[in-house]
Amino acid sequence: MSVLKVIEILASSPTGWEDAAANAIAEASKSVKNIKSCYVKDHSAVVKDGKISEFRVNVKITFKVE
């Protein structure tokens, strides 16, 4: 039987939500091993001068506990 754990990470990107999610995985993988999946729970954006300046995601990351 495997034990899985879920953590929540907030990440951002100036280029898009997909890149923000990739940034979340990249940052989490620096200290968390055996990442199995991610679920984008929420996404939002910062608007400056009528344009999106930053894309933000709230990601749930699932990993296997060894």
N, C-alpha and C. Protein backbone atom coordinates (compact mmCIF):
# COMPACT_ATOMS: atom_id res chain seq x y z
N MET A 1 0.84 -1.18 0.00
CA MET A 1 0.00 0.00 0.00
C MET A 1 0.88 1.24 0.00
N SER A 2 0.52 2.22 -0.80
CA SER A 2 1.25 3.48 -0.87
C SER A 2 0.56 4.54 -0.02
N VAL A 3 1.38 5.42 0.53
CA VAL A 3 0.86 6.57 1.25
C VAL A 3 1.18 7.81 0.43
N LEU A 4 0.14 8.60 0.14
CA LEU A 4 0.32 9.82 -0.63
C LEU A 4 0.01 11.02 0.25
N LYS A 5 0.71 12.10 0.00
CA LYS A 5 0.50 13.33 0.75
C LYS A 5 0.22 14.45 -0.24
N VAL A 6 -0.60 15.42 0.17
CA VAL A 6 -0.94 16.56 -0.68
C VAL A 6 -0.50 17.84 0.01
N ILE A 7 0.20 18.70 -0.74
CA ILE A 7 0.56 20.02 -0.23
C ILE A 7 0.00 21.06 -1.20
N GLU A 8 -0.16 22.27 -0.70
CA GLU A 8 -0.66 23.35 -1.53
C GLU A 8 0.44 24.39 -1.74
N ILE A 9 0.60 24.82 -2.98
CA ILE A 9 1.65 25.78 -3.32
C ILE A 9 1.04 26.92 -4.11
N LEU A 10 1.47 28.14 -3.83
CA LEU A 10 1.10 29.30 -4.62
C LEU A 10 2.28 29.66 -5.50
N ALA A 11 2.03 29.89 -6.79
CA ALA A 11 3.12 30.23 -7.71
C ALA A 11 2.62 31.25 -8.72
N SER A 12 3.58 31.91 -9.38
CA SER A 12 3.21 32.93 -10.36
C SER A 12 4.16 32.92 -11.54
N SER A 13 3.73 33.62 -12.59
CA SER A 13 4.53 33.74 -13.80
C SER A 13 4.08 34.98 -14.56
N PRO A 14 5.00 35.65 -15.23
CA PRO A 14 4.59 36.79 -16.06
C PRO A 14 4.04 36.36 -17.43
N THR A 15 4.14 35.07 -17.77
CA THR A 15 3.77 34.63 -19.13
C THR A 15 2.48 33.84 -19.23
N GLY A 16 2.05 33.13 -18.16
CA GLY A 16 0.80 32.38 -18.27
C GLY A 16 0.59 31.44 -17.10
N TRP A 17 -0.67 30.91 -17.02
CA TRP A 17 -1.02 30.00 -15.92
C TRP A 17 -0.28 28.68 -16.04
N GLU A 18 -0.09 28.19 -17.26
CA GLU A 18 0.65 26.93 -17.44
C GLU A 18 2.08 27.07 -16.93
N ASP A 19 2.71 28.18 -17.22
CA ASP A 19 4.07 28.43 -16.76
C ASP A 19 4.10 28.59 -15.24
N ALA A 20 3.07 29.21 -14.68
CA ALA A 20 3.00 29.35 -13.22
C ALA A 20 2.89 27.97 -12.55
N ALA A 21 2.09 27.07 -13.14
CA ALA A 21 1.99 25.71 -12.60
C ALA A 21 3.33 24.98 -12.71
N ALA A 22 4.01 25.16 -13.83
CA ALA A 22 5.33 24.54 -14.01
C ALA A 22 6.32 25.10 -12.98
N ASN A 23 6.22 26.39 -12.67
CA ASN A 23 7.08 26.98 -11.65
C ASN A 23 6.79 26.37 -10.28
N ALA A 24 5.54 26.09 -9.98
CA ALA A 24 5.18 25.46 -8.71
C ALA A 24 5.82 24.08 -8.59
N ILE A 25 5.74 23.29 -9.66
CA ILE A 25 6.34 21.95 -9.65
C ILE A 25 7.86 22.05 -9.53
N ALA A 26 8.46 22.96 -10.28
CA ALA A 26 9.92 23.11 -10.23
C ALA A 26 10.39 23.49 -8.83
N GLU A 27 9.68 24.40 -8.20
CA GLU A 27 10.08 24.84 -6.86
C GLU A 27 9.85 23.73 -5.83
N ALA A 28 8.71 23.05 -5.90
CA ALA A 28 8.41 21.97 -4.96
C ALA A 28 9.40 20.82 -5.10
N SER A 29 9.81 20.52 -6.33
CA SER A 29 10.70 19.39 -6.56
C SER A 29 12.10 19.62 -6.00
N LYS A 30 12.42 20.84 -5.60
CA LYS A 30 13.70 21.10 -4.95
C LYS A 30 13.78 20.44 -3.57
N SER A 31 12.61 20.28 -2.91
CA SER A 31 12.63 19.68 -1.57
C SER A 31 11.69 18.48 -1.42
N VAL A 32 10.82 18.25 -2.40
CA VAL A 32 9.87 17.14 -2.33
C VAL A 32 10.19 16.14 -3.43
N LYS A 33 10.32 14.90 -3.06
CA LYS A 33 10.61 13.84 -4.04
C LYS A 33 9.34 13.05 -4.33
N ASN A 34 9.36 12.30 -5.41
CA ASN A 34 8.26 11.40 -5.79
C ASN A 34 6.94 12.12 -6.07
N ILE A 35 7.02 13.31 -6.70
CA ILE A 35 5.79 14.02 -7.08
C ILE A 35 5.08 13.21 -8.14
N LYS A 36 3.79 12.97 -7.92
CA LYS A 36 2.99 12.13 -8.83
C LYS A 36 2.01 12.93 -9.67
N SER A 37 1.46 14.02 -9.12
CA SER A 37 0.48 14.79 -9.88
C SER A 37 0.31 16.18 -9.28
N CYS A 38 -0.34 17.03 -10.06
CA CYS A 38 -0.71 18.35 -9.55
C CYS A 38 -2.11 18.69 -10.04
N TYR A 39 -2.81 19.47 -9.24
CA TYR A 39 -4.16 19.90 -9.55
C TYR A 39 -4.21 21.40 -9.35
N VAL A 40 -4.54 22.14 -10.40
CA VAL A 40 -4.65 23.59 -10.29
C VAL A 40 -6.01 23.90 -9.67
N LYS A 41 -5.97 24.29 -8.42
CA LYS A 41 -7.19 24.54 -7.65
C LYS A 41 -7.82 25.88 -8.03
N ASP A 42 -7.01 26.91 -8.11
CA ASP A 42 -7.49 28.26 -8.45
C ASP A 42 -6.46 28.94 -9.34
N HIS A 43 -6.94 29.87 -10.12
CA HIS A 43 -6.02 30.72 -10.86
C HIS A 43 -6.56 32.14 -10.85
N SER A 44 -5.64 33.09 -10.87
CA SER A 44 -6.00 34.50 -10.85
C SER A 44 -4.91 35.28 -11.57
N ALA A 45 -5.14 36.58 -11.71
CA ALA A 45 -4.16 37.42 -12.41
C ALA A 45 -4.11 38.79 -11.77
N VAL A 46 -2.96 39.41 -11.90
CA VAL A 46 -2.77 40.79 -11.46
C VAL A 46 -2.85 41.66 -12.71
N VAL A 47 -3.64 42.72 -12.63
CA VAL A 47 -3.82 43.62 -13.77
C VAL A 47 -3.20 44.97 -13.45
N LYS A 48 -2.37 45.46 -14.38
CA LYS A 48 -1.77 46.79 -14.27
C LYS A 48 -1.94 47.50 -15.61
N ASP A 49 -2.42 48.70 -15.55
CA ASP A 49 -2.62 49.52 -16.76
C ASP A 49 -3.47 48.81 -17.80
N GLY A 50 -4.49 48.10 -17.36
CA GLY A 50 -5.41 47.44 -18.27
C GLY A 50 -4.88 46.16 -18.91
N LYS A 51 -3.74 45.65 -18.44
CA LYS A 51 -3.17 44.42 -18.99
C LYS A 51 -2.76 43.49 -17.86
N ILE A 52 -2.79 42.19 -18.13
CA ILE A 52 -2.35 41.21 -17.14
C ILE A 52 -0.84 41.29 -17.01
N SER A 53 -0.39 41.50 -15.78
CA SER A 53 1.06 41.61 -15.53
C SER A 53 1.62 40.36 -14.85
N GLU A 54 0.74 39.58 -14.22
CA GLU A 54 1.21 38.38 -13.51
C GLU A 54 0.08 37.36 -13.43
N PHE A 55 0.39 36.12 -13.76
CA PHE A 55 -0.56 35.01 -13.67
C PHE A 55 -0.24 34.23 -12.40
N ARG A 56 -1.27 33.90 -11.63
CA ARG A 56 -1.05 33.20 -10.36
C ARG A 56 -1.90 31.92 -10.32
N VAL A 57 -1.34 30.88 -9.69
CA VAL A 57 -2.07 29.63 -9.50
C VAL A 57 -1.90 29.14 -8.07
N ASN A 58 -2.93 28.46 -7.61
CA ASN A 58 -2.90 27.74 -6.34
C ASN A 58 -2.94 26.27 -6.73
N VAL A 59 -1.86 25.54 -6.49
CA VAL A 59 -1.69 24.17 -6.98
C VAL A 59 -1.63 23.20 -5.81
N LYS A 60 -2.36 22.09 -5.94
CA LYS A 60 -2.24 20.99 -4.99
C LYS A 60 -1.32 19.96 -5.62
N ILE A 61 -0.26 19.63 -4.91
CA ILE A 61 0.75 18.68 -5.41
C ILE A 61 0.68 17.41 -4.58
N THR A 62 0.57 16.29 -5.27
CA THR A 62 0.50 14.98 -4.62
C THR A 62 1.82 14.24 -4.80
N PHE A 63 2.34 13.70 -3.69
CA PHE A 63 3.58 12.94 -3.78
C PHE A 63 3.52 11.71 -2.89
N LYS A 64 4.31 10.73 -3.25
CA LYS A 64 4.35 9.47 -2.52
C LYS A 64 5.32 9.59 -1.35
N VAL A 65 4.86 9.16 -0.18
CA VAL A 65 5.68 9.17 1.02
C VAL A 65 6.40 7.83 1.10
N GLU A 66 7.71 7.88 1.23
CA GLU A 66 8.52 6.65 1.30
C GLU A 66 8.79 6.27 2.74
